[in-house]
């Protein structure tokens, strides 16, 4: 795929994901701090979704037309140095009340990390790949739930239907409660059979 076509496809993916996130999050985000929204994007890679994600979360948490009243503390993490460097270069220092930070971190060890204090309003995992390591993802999901504020939400997206169902089951086994899920009917198909960009989305809270 040519660079121009790839950029266009990525932009369209973001538009579709934004639509799905709005439907999933509307009326469901209650930031712990009325002036600041804390978002953690795990295994974010180059984090192409960063700008779109913070905007949607901000609007859904503050209400349309009031997002300027809410600043955003956005942290993206991944174990790959190069991807984190690219994410930081693209997002820069942030603007309009957004503090972007990108860190090389292991998602299985979040509770041991002083840089990532608890109390996130949203923990987001795009295209979790449960097939590649169920044991590791159990740990990541458990750590993610522990990082949530009392009313915080864990949101995942998946490439495959079956992998999504496995991840959903794993999250519930480690203390998550399913709030809602969406099948993205407009998801872009990829070369691998059954694989689509953000084909399924689900939202969880920490079970009491």
N, C-alpha and C. Protein backbone atom coordinates (compact mmCIF):
# COMPACT_ATOMS: atom_id res chain seq x y z
N UNK A 1 0.85 -1.19 0.00
CA UNK A 1 0.00 0.00 0.00
C UNK A 1 0.89 1.25 0.00
N UNK A 2 0.63 2.18 -0.94
CA UNK A 2 1.41 3.40 -1.02
C UNK A 2 1.21 4.24 0.24
N UNK A 3 2.20 5.12 0.52
CA UNK A 3 2.14 5.92 1.75
C UNK A 3 0.87 6.77 1.80
N UNK A 4 0.49 7.37 0.70
CA UNK A 4 -0.71 8.21 0.68
C UNK A 4 -1.96 7.39 0.95
N UNK A 5 -2.01 6.18 0.38
CA UNK A 5 -3.16 5.30 0.62
C UNK A 5 -3.19 4.82 2.07
N UNK A 6 -1.98 4.55 2.60
CA UNK A 6 -1.91 4.11 3.99
C UNK A 6 -2.37 5.21 4.94
N UNK A 7 -1.95 6.44 4.68
CA UNK A 7 -2.39 7.56 5.52
C UNK A 7 -3.90 7.74 5.46
N UNK A 8 -4.45 7.60 4.26
CA UNK A 8 -5.90 7.74 4.11
C UNK A 8 -6.63 6.62 4.84
N UNK A 9 -6.11 5.39 4.74
CA UNK A 9 -6.73 4.26 5.43
C UNK A 9 -6.68 4.46 6.94
N UNK A 10 -5.54 4.93 7.45
CA UNK A 10 -5.41 5.19 8.89
C UNK A 10 -6.38 6.26 9.35
N UNK A 11 -6.52 7.31 8.54
CA UNK A 11 -7.45 8.39 8.89
C UNK A 11 -8.89 7.87 8.94
N UNK A 12 -9.24 7.02 7.98
CA UNK A 12 -10.58 6.45 7.97
C UNK A 12 -10.80 5.52 9.16
N UNK A 13 -9.76 4.76 9.51
CA UNK A 13 -9.85 3.90 10.69
C UNK A 13 -10.12 4.73 11.94
N UNK A 14 -9.45 5.88 12.06
CA UNK A 14 -9.64 6.74 13.22
C UNK A 14 -11.06 7.29 13.26
N UNK A 15 -11.59 7.65 12.11
CA UNK A 15 -12.96 8.16 12.05
C UNK A 15 -13.96 7.09 12.51
N UNK A 16 -13.74 5.87 12.06
CA UNK A 16 -14.64 4.77 12.46
C UNK A 16 -14.51 4.47 13.94
N UNK A 17 -13.26 4.44 14.43
CA UNK A 17 -13.05 4.15 15.85
C UNK A 17 -13.65 5.25 16.71
N UNK A 18 -13.52 6.48 16.29
CA UNK A 18 -14.10 7.60 17.03
C UNK A 18 -15.61 7.43 17.15
N UNK A 19 -16.25 7.05 16.08
CA UNK A 19 -17.70 6.84 16.09
C UNK A 19 -18.09 5.75 17.09
N UNK A 20 -17.35 4.64 17.06
CA UNK A 20 -17.65 3.53 17.96
C UNK A 20 -17.40 3.90 19.42
N UNK A 21 -16.32 4.63 19.68
CA UNK A 21 -16.02 5.04 21.05
C UNK A 21 -17.07 5.99 21.61
N UNK A 22 -17.57 6.86 20.78
CA UNK A 22 -18.63 7.76 21.23
C UNK A 22 -19.86 6.97 21.66
N UNK A 23 -20.21 5.99 20.86
CA UNK A 23 -21.36 5.17 21.21
C UNK A 23 -21.15 4.37 22.48
N UNK A 24 -19.92 3.90 22.68
CA UNK A 24 -19.62 3.08 23.85
C UNK A 24 -19.52 3.91 25.13
N UNK A 25 -18.97 5.13 25.01
CA UNK A 25 -18.63 5.93 26.19
C UNK A 25 -19.69 6.95 26.62
N UNK A 26 -20.62 7.25 25.76
CA UNK A 26 -21.58 8.32 26.07
C UNK A 26 -22.31 8.04 27.39
N UNK A 27 -22.22 9.01 28.30
CA UNK A 27 -22.90 8.90 29.59
C UNK A 27 -22.22 7.97 30.58
N UNK A 28 -21.01 7.51 30.26
CA UNK A 28 -20.38 6.50 31.11
C UNK A 28 -19.04 6.92 31.70
N UNK A 29 -18.55 8.10 31.40
CA UNK A 29 -17.26 8.54 31.92
C UNK A 29 -17.45 9.59 32.99
N UNK A 30 -16.90 9.33 34.16
CA UNK A 30 -17.00 10.25 35.29
C UNK A 30 -15.61 10.45 35.88
N UNK A 31 -14.89 11.48 35.43
CA UNK A 31 -13.52 11.67 35.92
C UNK A 31 -13.45 11.89 37.42
N UNK A 32 -12.43 11.31 38.04
CA UNK A 32 -12.25 11.45 39.48
C UNK A 32 -11.95 12.90 39.86
N UNK A 33 -11.27 13.61 38.98
CA UNK A 33 -10.95 15.03 39.16
C UNK A 33 -11.79 15.82 38.17
N UNK A 34 -12.62 16.73 38.65
CA UNK A 34 -13.52 17.45 37.76
C UNK A 34 -12.79 18.39 36.80
N UNK A 35 -11.49 18.59 37.02
CA UNK A 35 -10.73 19.49 36.15
C UNK A 35 -9.72 18.76 35.27
N UNK A 36 -9.50 17.48 35.51
CA UNK A 36 -8.48 16.75 34.76
C UNK A 36 -8.92 15.32 34.51
N UNK A 37 -8.73 14.88 33.26
CA UNK A 37 -9.03 13.51 32.85
C UNK A 37 -7.71 12.76 32.68
N UNK A 38 -7.59 11.59 33.27
CA UNK A 38 -6.36 10.79 33.17
C UNK A 38 -6.62 9.58 32.28
N UNK A 39 -5.82 9.47 31.20
CA UNK A 39 -5.97 8.40 30.22
C UNK A 39 -4.65 7.65 30.09
N UNK A 40 -4.71 6.32 30.17
CA UNK A 40 -3.55 5.46 29.99
C UNK A 40 -3.79 4.56 28.79
N UNK A 41 -2.92 4.66 27.78
CA UNK A 41 -3.01 3.85 26.56
C UNK A 41 -1.90 2.81 26.62
N UNK A 42 -2.27 1.54 26.85
CA UNK A 42 -1.30 0.47 27.03
C UNK A 42 -0.97 -0.23 25.72
N UNK A 43 0.29 -0.67 25.59
CA UNK A 43 0.75 -1.36 24.37
C UNK A 43 0.37 -0.53 23.15
N UNK A 44 0.68 0.76 23.22
CA UNK A 44 0.15 1.73 22.26
C UNK A 44 0.92 1.78 20.94
N UNK A 45 2.09 1.15 20.87
CA UNK A 45 2.88 1.25 19.64
C UNK A 45 3.18 2.70 19.31
N UNK A 46 2.99 3.07 18.05
CA UNK A 46 3.22 4.46 17.64
C UNK A 46 2.05 5.36 18.03
N UNK A 47 1.00 4.78 18.57
CA UNK A 47 -0.13 5.51 19.15
C UNK A 47 -0.77 6.49 18.15
N UNK A 48 -1.13 5.97 17.00
CA UNK A 48 -1.81 6.80 16.00
C UNK A 48 -3.15 7.33 16.52
N UNK A 49 -3.69 6.66 17.53
CA UNK A 49 -5.00 7.07 18.05
C UNK A 49 -4.93 8.15 19.11
N UNK A 50 -3.74 8.58 19.51
CA UNK A 50 -3.59 9.46 20.68
C UNK A 50 -4.46 10.70 20.62
N UNK A 51 -4.36 11.48 19.56
CA UNK A 51 -5.10 12.74 19.48
C UNK A 51 -6.60 12.50 19.44
N UNK A 52 -7.02 11.55 18.62
CA UNK A 52 -8.45 11.24 18.53
C UNK A 52 -8.97 10.74 19.87
N UNK A 53 -8.22 9.85 20.51
CA UNK A 53 -8.67 9.24 21.76
C UNK A 53 -8.86 10.27 22.85
N UNK A 54 -7.88 11.15 23.04
CA UNK A 54 -8.03 12.14 24.11
C UNK A 54 -9.18 13.09 23.84
N UNK A 55 -9.41 13.44 22.57
CA UNK A 55 -10.51 14.35 22.24
C UNK A 55 -11.87 13.72 22.54
N UNK A 56 -12.02 12.46 22.14
CA UNK A 56 -13.30 11.78 22.38
C UNK A 56 -13.53 11.57 23.87
N UNK A 57 -12.50 11.11 24.58
CA UNK A 57 -12.66 10.89 26.01
C UNK A 57 -12.98 12.20 26.74
N UNK A 58 -12.36 13.25 26.30
CA UNK A 58 -12.58 14.57 26.91
C UNK A 58 -14.02 15.03 26.70
N UNK A 59 -14.50 14.90 25.48
CA UNK A 59 -15.87 15.32 25.17
C UNK A 59 -16.89 14.46 25.90
N UNK A 60 -16.64 13.16 25.96
CA UNK A 60 -17.58 12.26 26.62
C UNK A 60 -17.60 12.47 28.13
N UNK A 61 -16.45 12.87 28.70
CA UNK A 61 -16.37 13.08 30.14
C UNK A 61 -16.92 14.44 30.56
N UNK A 62 -16.65 15.47 29.75
CA UNK A 62 -17.06 16.83 30.12
C UNK A 62 -18.41 17.21 29.54
N UNK A 63 -18.77 16.61 28.42
CA UNK A 63 -19.99 17.01 27.72
C UNK A 63 -19.63 17.88 26.52
N UNK A 64 -20.35 17.71 25.43
CA UNK A 64 -20.10 18.48 24.21
C UNK A 64 -20.13 19.98 24.51
N UNK A 65 -19.12 20.69 24.02
CA UNK A 65 -19.07 22.13 24.20
C UNK A 65 -18.39 22.55 25.50
N UNK A 66 -18.11 21.59 26.39
CA UNK A 66 -17.49 21.92 27.67
C UNK A 66 -16.11 21.29 27.82
N UNK A 67 -15.62 20.67 26.74
CA UNK A 67 -14.35 19.96 26.84
C UNK A 67 -13.17 20.87 27.18
N UNK A 68 -13.30 22.17 26.85
CA UNK A 68 -12.22 23.11 27.17
C UNK A 68 -12.04 23.28 28.68
N UNK A 69 -13.05 22.89 29.46
CA UNK A 69 -12.98 23.01 30.92
C UNK A 69 -12.19 21.86 31.56
N UNK A 70 -11.85 20.87 30.75
CA UNK A 70 -11.21 19.67 31.27
C UNK A 70 -9.85 19.47 30.60
N UNK A 71 -8.78 19.47 31.37
CA UNK A 71 -7.47 19.18 30.81
C UNK A 71 -7.26 17.66 30.80
N UNK A 72 -6.26 17.22 30.06
CA UNK A 72 -6.04 15.78 29.89
C UNK A 72 -4.59 15.41 30.19
N UNK A 73 -4.43 14.40 31.02
CA UNK A 73 -3.13 13.81 31.30
C UNK A 73 -3.11 12.47 30.56
N UNK A 74 -2.40 12.42 29.43
CA UNK A 74 -2.41 11.26 28.55
C UNK A 74 -1.05 10.56 28.59
N UNK A 75 -1.05 9.29 28.96
CA UNK A 75 0.19 8.51 29.00
C UNK A 75 0.05 7.31 28.08
N UNK A 76 1.01 7.16 27.15
CA UNK A 76 1.07 6.00 26.29
C UNK A 76 2.28 5.16 26.65
N UNK A 77 2.12 3.84 26.74
CA UNK A 77 3.23 2.97 27.09
C UNK A 77 3.34 1.80 26.12
N UNK A 78 4.56 1.34 25.92
CA UNK A 78 4.82 0.16 25.10
C UNK A 78 6.21 -0.34 25.47
N UNK A 79 6.49 -1.61 25.19
CA UNK A 79 7.82 -2.14 25.51
C UNK A 79 8.83 -1.87 24.40
N UNK A 80 8.38 -1.31 23.27
CA UNK A 80 9.25 -1.08 22.12
C UNK A 80 9.71 0.38 22.06
N UNK A 81 11.00 0.58 22.20
CA UNK A 81 11.57 1.93 22.24
C UNK A 81 11.26 2.75 20.99
N UNK A 82 11.46 2.16 19.82
CA UNK A 82 11.31 2.90 18.57
C UNK A 82 9.89 3.43 18.40
N UNK A 83 8.90 2.58 18.70
CA UNK A 83 7.51 3.02 18.55
C UNK A 83 7.18 4.16 19.50
N UNK A 84 7.68 4.09 20.73
CA UNK A 84 7.43 5.15 21.71
C UNK A 84 8.10 6.45 21.27
N UNK A 85 9.29 6.36 20.71
CA UNK A 85 9.97 7.55 20.20
C UNK A 85 9.14 8.21 19.08
N UNK A 86 8.60 7.41 18.19
CA UNK A 86 7.80 7.95 17.09
C UNK A 86 6.50 8.58 17.60
N UNK A 87 5.89 7.94 18.57
CA UNK A 87 4.66 8.50 19.15
C UNK A 87 4.93 9.86 19.78
N UNK A 88 6.04 9.97 20.51
CA UNK A 88 6.40 11.23 21.16
C UNK A 88 6.71 12.31 20.15
N UNK A 89 7.39 11.95 19.07
CA UNK A 89 7.71 12.93 18.03
C UNK A 89 6.45 13.45 17.35
N UNK A 90 5.50 12.57 17.10
CA UNK A 90 4.29 12.98 16.40
C UNK A 90 3.39 13.87 17.27
N UNK A 91 3.27 13.54 18.53
CA UNK A 91 2.36 14.29 19.39
C UNK A 91 3.00 15.54 19.99
N UNK A 92 4.34 15.56 20.02
CA UNK A 92 5.01 16.74 20.55
C UNK A 92 4.68 16.98 22.01
N UNK A 93 4.63 18.24 22.38
CA UNK A 93 4.37 18.60 23.78
C UNK A 93 2.90 18.71 24.11
N UNK A 94 2.06 18.57 23.09
CA UNK A 94 0.63 18.70 23.33
C UNK A 94 0.21 20.15 23.35
N UNK A 95 -1.08 20.38 23.27
CA UNK A 95 -1.63 21.73 23.29
C UNK A 95 -3.06 21.67 23.80
N UNK A 96 -3.64 22.83 23.99
CA UNK A 96 -5.04 22.91 24.40
C UNK A 96 -5.32 22.10 25.67
N UNK A 97 -4.39 22.19 26.64
CA UNK A 97 -4.62 21.53 27.92
C UNK A 97 -4.36 20.05 27.92
N UNK A 98 -3.58 19.55 26.94
CA UNK A 98 -3.27 18.12 26.88
C UNK A 98 -1.80 17.90 27.18
N UNK A 99 -1.52 17.04 28.14
CA UNK A 99 -0.15 16.67 28.49
C UNK A 99 0.09 15.25 28.00
N UNK A 100 0.79 15.13 26.85
CA UNK A 100 1.13 13.82 26.30
C UNK A 100 2.47 13.35 26.87
N UNK A 101 2.49 12.13 27.36
CA UNK A 101 3.74 11.52 27.79
C UNK A 101 3.78 10.08 27.28
N UNK A 102 4.94 9.69 26.76
CA UNK A 102 5.11 8.33 26.24
C UNK A 102 6.30 7.68 26.91
N UNK A 103 6.11 6.45 27.38
CA UNK A 103 7.11 5.78 28.19
C UNK A 103 7.28 4.33 27.75
N UNK A 104 8.50 3.84 27.84
CA UNK A 104 8.77 2.43 27.60
C UNK A 104 8.51 1.69 28.91
N UNK A 105 7.44 0.89 28.91
CA UNK A 105 7.03 0.20 30.13
C UNK A 105 6.51 -1.19 29.79
N UNK A 106 6.62 -2.09 30.74
CA UNK A 106 6.09 -3.44 30.63
C UNK A 106 4.71 -3.46 31.28
N UNK A 107 3.70 -3.76 30.48
CA UNK A 107 2.32 -3.75 30.98
C UNK A 107 2.04 -4.75 32.08
N UNK A 108 2.90 -5.77 32.20
CA UNK A 108 2.69 -6.76 33.26
C UNK A 108 3.16 -6.26 34.62
N UNK A 109 3.90 -5.14 34.65
CA UNK A 109 4.53 -4.68 35.88
C UNK A 109 4.05 -3.28 36.29
N UNK A 110 2.85 -2.94 35.91
CA UNK A 110 2.36 -1.57 36.15
C UNK A 110 2.27 -1.22 37.62
N UNK A 111 1.93 -2.19 38.45
CA UNK A 111 1.76 -1.88 39.87
C UNK A 111 3.08 -1.60 40.56
N UNK A 112 4.18 -1.96 39.90
CA UNK A 112 5.50 -1.72 40.48
C UNK A 112 6.10 -0.40 40.00
N UNK A 113 5.35 0.36 39.22
CA UNK A 113 5.89 1.52 38.54
C UNK A 113 5.43 2.82 39.19
N UNK A 114 6.36 3.55 39.76
CA UNK A 114 6.02 4.81 40.45
C UNK A 114 5.60 5.90 39.46
N UNK A 115 5.98 5.78 38.18
CA UNK A 115 5.60 6.77 37.18
C UNK A 115 4.12 6.72 36.83
N UNK A 116 3.49 5.59 37.15
CA UNK A 116 2.10 5.40 36.77
C UNK A 116 1.24 5.24 38.02
N UNK A 117 1.00 6.34 38.69
CA UNK A 117 0.17 6.30 39.89
C UNK A 117 -1.24 5.87 39.55
N UNK A 118 -1.89 5.22 40.49
CA UNK A 118 -3.25 4.73 40.26
C UNK A 118 -4.23 5.90 40.11
N UNK A 119 -5.40 5.59 39.60
CA UNK A 119 -6.45 6.59 39.50
C UNK A 119 -6.75 7.05 38.08
N UNK A 120 -6.54 6.17 37.08
CA UNK A 120 -6.84 6.54 35.70
C UNK A 120 -8.34 6.44 35.45
N UNK A 121 -8.86 7.42 34.74
CA UNK A 121 -10.29 7.41 34.38
C UNK A 121 -10.55 6.46 33.23
N UNK A 122 -9.57 6.32 32.34
CA UNK A 122 -9.68 5.41 31.20
C UNK A 122 -8.35 4.69 31.02
N UNK A 123 -8.39 3.36 30.93
CA UNK A 123 -7.26 2.58 30.45
C UNK A 123 -7.70 1.97 29.12
N UNK A 124 -6.93 2.22 28.07
CA UNK A 124 -7.30 1.82 26.72
C UNK A 124 -6.27 0.85 26.17
N UNK A 125 -6.73 -0.25 25.60
CA UNK A 125 -5.86 -1.23 24.97
C UNK A 125 -6.40 -1.50 23.57
N UNK A 126 -5.68 -0.99 22.57
CA UNK A 126 -6.14 -1.17 21.19
C UNK A 126 -5.51 -2.41 20.57
N UNK A 127 -6.35 -3.25 20.00
CA UNK A 127 -5.89 -4.47 19.32
C UNK A 127 -5.06 -5.35 20.24
N UNK A 128 -5.62 -5.66 21.41
CA UNK A 128 -4.96 -6.63 22.28
C UNK A 128 -4.72 -7.92 21.48
N UNK A 129 -3.59 -8.56 21.70
CA UNK A 129 -3.29 -9.79 20.96
C UNK A 129 -3.18 -10.98 21.91
N UNK A 130 -4.31 -11.35 22.46
CA UNK A 130 -4.38 -12.41 23.46
C UNK A 130 -3.80 -13.72 22.94
N UNK A 131 -3.95 -13.99 21.65
CA UNK A 131 -3.42 -15.23 21.07
C UNK A 131 -1.92 -15.40 21.32
N UNK A 132 -1.19 -14.29 21.39
CA UNK A 132 0.26 -14.35 21.46
C UNK A 132 0.80 -14.58 22.87
N UNK A 133 -0.09 -14.61 23.85
CA UNK A 133 0.39 -14.84 25.23
C UNK A 133 -0.71 -14.66 26.24
N UNK A 134 -1.54 -15.67 26.42
CA UNK A 134 -2.67 -15.55 27.34
C UNK A 134 -2.25 -15.25 28.76
N UNK A 135 -1.18 -15.91 29.24
CA UNK A 135 -0.72 -15.69 30.61
C UNK A 135 -0.29 -14.25 30.81
N UNK A 136 0.47 -13.72 29.84
CA UNK A 136 0.94 -12.34 29.93
C UNK A 136 -0.23 -11.36 29.90
N UNK A 137 -1.20 -11.65 29.04
CA UNK A 137 -2.35 -10.72 28.95
C UNK A 137 -3.24 -10.79 30.18
N UNK A 138 -3.33 -11.93 30.83
CA UNK A 138 -4.03 -11.99 32.11
C UNK A 138 -3.41 -10.99 33.08
N UNK A 139 -2.07 -10.97 33.13
CA UNK A 139 -1.37 -10.05 34.04
C UNK A 139 -1.60 -8.61 33.64
N UNK A 140 -1.55 -8.32 32.34
CA UNK A 140 -1.77 -6.94 31.87
C UNK A 140 -3.18 -6.47 32.19
N UNK A 141 -4.17 -7.32 31.96
CA UNK A 141 -5.55 -6.95 32.25
C UNK A 141 -5.76 -6.72 33.75
N UNK A 142 -5.16 -7.58 34.56
CA UNK A 142 -5.29 -7.44 36.01
C UNK A 142 -4.65 -6.13 36.48
N UNK A 143 -3.46 -5.83 35.99
CA UNK A 143 -2.78 -4.58 36.35
C UNK A 143 -3.59 -3.38 35.86
N UNK A 144 -4.20 -3.49 34.68
CA UNK A 144 -5.00 -2.39 34.13
C UNK A 144 -6.18 -2.06 35.03
N UNK A 145 -6.86 -3.08 35.49
CA UNK A 145 -8.00 -2.87 36.39
C UNK A 145 -7.56 -2.23 37.70
N UNK A 146 -6.39 -2.64 38.19
CA UNK A 146 -5.88 -2.08 39.44
C UNK A 146 -5.53 -0.60 39.30
N UNK A 147 -5.22 -0.16 38.10
CA UNK A 147 -4.84 1.23 37.86
C UNK A 147 -6.04 2.17 37.72
N UNK A 148 -7.24 1.62 37.65
CA UNK A 148 -8.43 2.45 37.44
C UNK A 148 -8.83 3.22 38.70
N UNK A 149 -9.35 4.43 38.49
CA UNK A 149 -10.03 5.17 39.55
C UNK A 149 -11.32 4.41 39.89
N UNK A 150 -11.96 4.73 41.02
CA UNK A 150 -13.18 3.99 41.40
C UNK A 150 -14.23 3.90 40.31
N UNK A 151 -14.41 4.96 39.52
CA UNK A 151 -15.39 4.95 38.43
C UNK A 151 -14.72 4.81 37.07
N UNK A 152 -13.44 4.41 37.06
CA UNK A 152 -12.68 4.31 35.82
C UNK A 152 -13.15 3.16 34.94
N UNK A 153 -12.80 3.24 33.65
CA UNK A 153 -13.23 2.24 32.68
C UNK A 153 -12.03 1.69 31.91
N UNK A 154 -12.03 0.39 31.69
CA UNK A 154 -11.08 -0.28 30.81
C UNK A 154 -11.77 -0.53 29.48
N UNK A 155 -11.13 -0.08 28.39
CA UNK A 155 -11.70 -0.25 27.06
C UNK A 155 -10.70 -1.00 26.19
N UNK A 156 -11.17 -2.04 25.49
CA UNK A 156 -10.31 -2.78 24.58
C UNK A 156 -10.93 -2.80 23.18
N UNK A 157 -10.06 -2.95 22.18
CA UNK A 157 -10.53 -3.26 20.83
C UNK A 157 -9.79 -4.51 20.37
N UNK A 158 -10.36 -5.21 19.39
CA UNK A 158 -9.80 -6.48 18.93
C UNK A 158 -9.86 -6.60 17.42
N UNK A 159 -8.88 -7.34 16.87
CA UNK A 159 -8.86 -7.65 15.44
C UNK A 159 -9.83 -8.77 15.07
N UNK A 160 -9.90 -9.78 15.96
CA UNK A 160 -10.62 -11.02 15.65
C UNK A 160 -11.77 -11.25 16.64
N UNK A 161 -12.83 -11.88 16.16
CA UNK A 161 -13.97 -12.19 17.03
C UNK A 161 -13.58 -13.15 18.16
N UNK A 162 -12.93 -14.27 17.79
CA UNK A 162 -12.62 -15.28 18.81
C UNK A 162 -11.63 -14.74 19.84
N UNK A 163 -10.62 -14.02 19.37
CA UNK A 163 -9.64 -13.44 20.29
C UNK A 163 -10.31 -12.44 21.23
N UNK A 164 -11.26 -11.69 20.72
CA UNK A 164 -12.00 -10.74 21.55
C UNK A 164 -12.74 -11.48 22.66
N UNK A 165 -13.39 -12.58 22.31
CA UNK A 165 -14.14 -13.34 23.32
C UNK A 165 -13.20 -13.92 24.38
N UNK A 166 -12.02 -14.37 23.98
CA UNK A 166 -11.04 -14.89 24.94
C UNK A 166 -10.57 -13.78 25.89
N UNK A 167 -10.29 -12.59 25.33
CA UNK A 167 -9.85 -11.46 26.15
C UNK A 167 -10.95 -11.03 27.10
N UNK A 168 -12.16 -10.99 26.60
CA UNK A 168 -13.31 -10.59 27.43
C UNK A 168 -13.46 -11.53 28.62
N UNK A 169 -13.32 -12.83 28.37
CA UNK A 169 -13.42 -13.82 29.44
C UNK A 169 -12.28 -13.65 30.44
N UNK A 170 -11.07 -13.39 29.92
CA UNK A 170 -9.91 -13.22 30.79
C UNK A 170 -10.07 -12.02 31.71
N UNK A 171 -10.56 -10.91 31.17
CA UNK A 171 -10.75 -9.70 31.97
C UNK A 171 -11.75 -9.94 33.10
N UNK A 172 -12.81 -10.65 32.79
CA UNK A 172 -13.80 -10.93 33.82
C UNK A 172 -13.25 -11.89 34.88
N UNK A 173 -12.36 -12.77 34.49
CA UNK A 173 -11.77 -13.70 35.46
C UNK A 173 -10.83 -12.99 36.44
N UNK A 174 -10.20 -11.88 35.99
CA UNK A 174 -9.26 -11.18 36.88
C UNK A 174 -9.90 -9.98 37.57
N UNK A 175 -11.23 -9.88 37.54
CA UNK A 175 -11.89 -8.85 38.34
C UNK A 175 -12.61 -7.77 37.58
N UNK A 176 -12.76 -7.92 36.26
CA UNK A 176 -13.48 -6.93 35.48
C UNK A 176 -14.95 -7.28 35.31
N UNK A 177 -15.76 -6.27 35.19
CA UNK A 177 -17.19 -6.46 34.93
C UNK A 177 -17.54 -5.82 33.59
N UNK A 178 -18.07 -6.61 32.68
CA UNK A 178 -18.42 -6.11 31.35
C UNK A 178 -19.58 -5.13 31.45
N UNK A 179 -19.40 -3.94 30.88
CA UNK A 179 -20.46 -2.94 30.86
C UNK A 179 -21.21 -3.00 29.53
N UNK A 180 -20.44 -3.04 28.44
CA UNK A 180 -21.06 -3.05 27.12
C UNK A 180 -20.02 -3.42 26.08
N UNK A 181 -20.46 -3.85 24.92
CA UNK A 181 -19.56 -4.12 23.81
C UNK A 181 -20.23 -3.78 22.50
N UNK A 182 -19.40 -3.53 21.48
CA UNK A 182 -19.89 -3.09 20.18
C UNK A 182 -19.16 -3.88 19.09
N UNK A 183 -19.91 -4.33 18.09
CA UNK A 183 -19.31 -4.91 16.89
C UNK A 183 -19.25 -3.81 15.84
N UNK A 184 -18.05 -3.52 15.37
CA UNK A 184 -17.84 -2.45 14.39
C UNK A 184 -18.18 -2.96 12.99
N UNK A 185 -19.37 -2.65 12.52
CA UNK A 185 -19.83 -3.15 11.24
C UNK A 185 -19.10 -2.51 10.06
N UNK A 186 -18.41 -1.40 10.29
CA UNK A 186 -17.71 -0.70 9.22
C UNK A 186 -16.20 -0.97 9.25
N UNK A 187 -15.75 -1.90 10.07
CA UNK A 187 -14.33 -2.15 10.24
C UNK A 187 -13.66 -2.56 8.92
N UNK A 188 -12.46 -2.06 8.70
CA UNK A 188 -11.70 -2.36 7.48
C UNK A 188 -11.08 -3.76 7.58
N UNK A 189 -11.29 -4.56 6.56
CA UNK A 189 -10.73 -5.90 6.54
C UNK A 189 -9.24 -5.86 6.18
N UNK A 190 -8.49 -6.80 6.73
CA UNK A 190 -7.05 -6.91 6.47
C UNK A 190 -6.76 -8.22 5.73
N UNK A 191 -5.50 -8.44 5.38
CA UNK A 191 -5.16 -9.57 4.53
C UNK A 191 -5.45 -10.92 5.19
N UNK A 192 -5.23 -11.02 6.50
CA UNK A 192 -5.47 -12.27 7.21
C UNK A 192 -6.97 -12.53 7.33
N UNK A 193 -7.37 -13.74 7.04
CA UNK A 193 -8.79 -14.09 7.09
C UNK A 193 -9.38 -13.83 8.48
N UNK A 194 -10.49 -13.12 8.52
CA UNK A 194 -11.18 -12.85 9.78
C UNK A 194 -10.63 -11.69 10.57
N UNK A 195 -9.60 -11.01 10.04
CA UNK A 195 -8.95 -9.92 10.77
C UNK A 195 -9.44 -8.58 10.25
N UNK A 196 -9.88 -7.71 11.18
CA UNK A 196 -10.41 -6.39 10.84
C UNK A 196 -9.86 -5.36 11.82
N UNK A 197 -9.72 -4.12 11.38
CA UNK A 197 -9.24 -3.03 12.24
C UNK A 197 -10.33 -2.65 13.23
N UNK A 198 -10.05 -2.80 14.52
CA UNK A 198 -11.03 -2.45 15.58
C UNK A 198 -12.37 -3.11 15.32
N UNK A 199 -12.36 -4.41 15.07
CA UNK A 199 -13.60 -5.11 14.73
C UNK A 199 -14.57 -5.17 15.91
N UNK A 200 -14.03 -5.35 17.12
CA UNK A 200 -14.88 -5.44 18.31
C UNK A 200 -14.34 -4.50 19.38
N UNK A 201 -15.24 -3.90 20.15
CA UNK A 201 -14.88 -3.04 21.27
C UNK A 201 -15.65 -3.49 22.50
N UNK A 202 -15.04 -3.33 23.67
CA UNK A 202 -15.73 -3.65 24.92
C UNK A 202 -15.26 -2.73 26.03
N UNK A 203 -16.16 -2.45 26.96
CA UNK A 203 -15.86 -1.59 28.12
C UNK A 203 -16.12 -2.38 29.39
N UNK A 204 -15.20 -2.19 30.37
CA UNK A 204 -15.30 -2.88 31.66
C UNK A 204 -15.09 -1.88 32.80
N UNK A 205 -15.62 -2.23 33.94
CA UNK A 205 -15.30 -1.55 35.19
C UNK A 205 -14.67 -2.58 36.12
N UNK A 206 -14.07 -2.11 37.20
CA UNK A 206 -13.50 -3.01 38.19
C UNK A 206 -14.65 -3.53 39.06
N UNK A 207 -14.75 -4.83 39.18
CA UNK A 207 -15.82 -5.45 39.97
C UNK A 207 -15.54 -5.28 41.45
N UNK A 208 -16.53 -4.85 42.19
CA UNK A 208 -16.37 -4.65 43.63
C UNK A 208 -16.18 -5.98 44.34
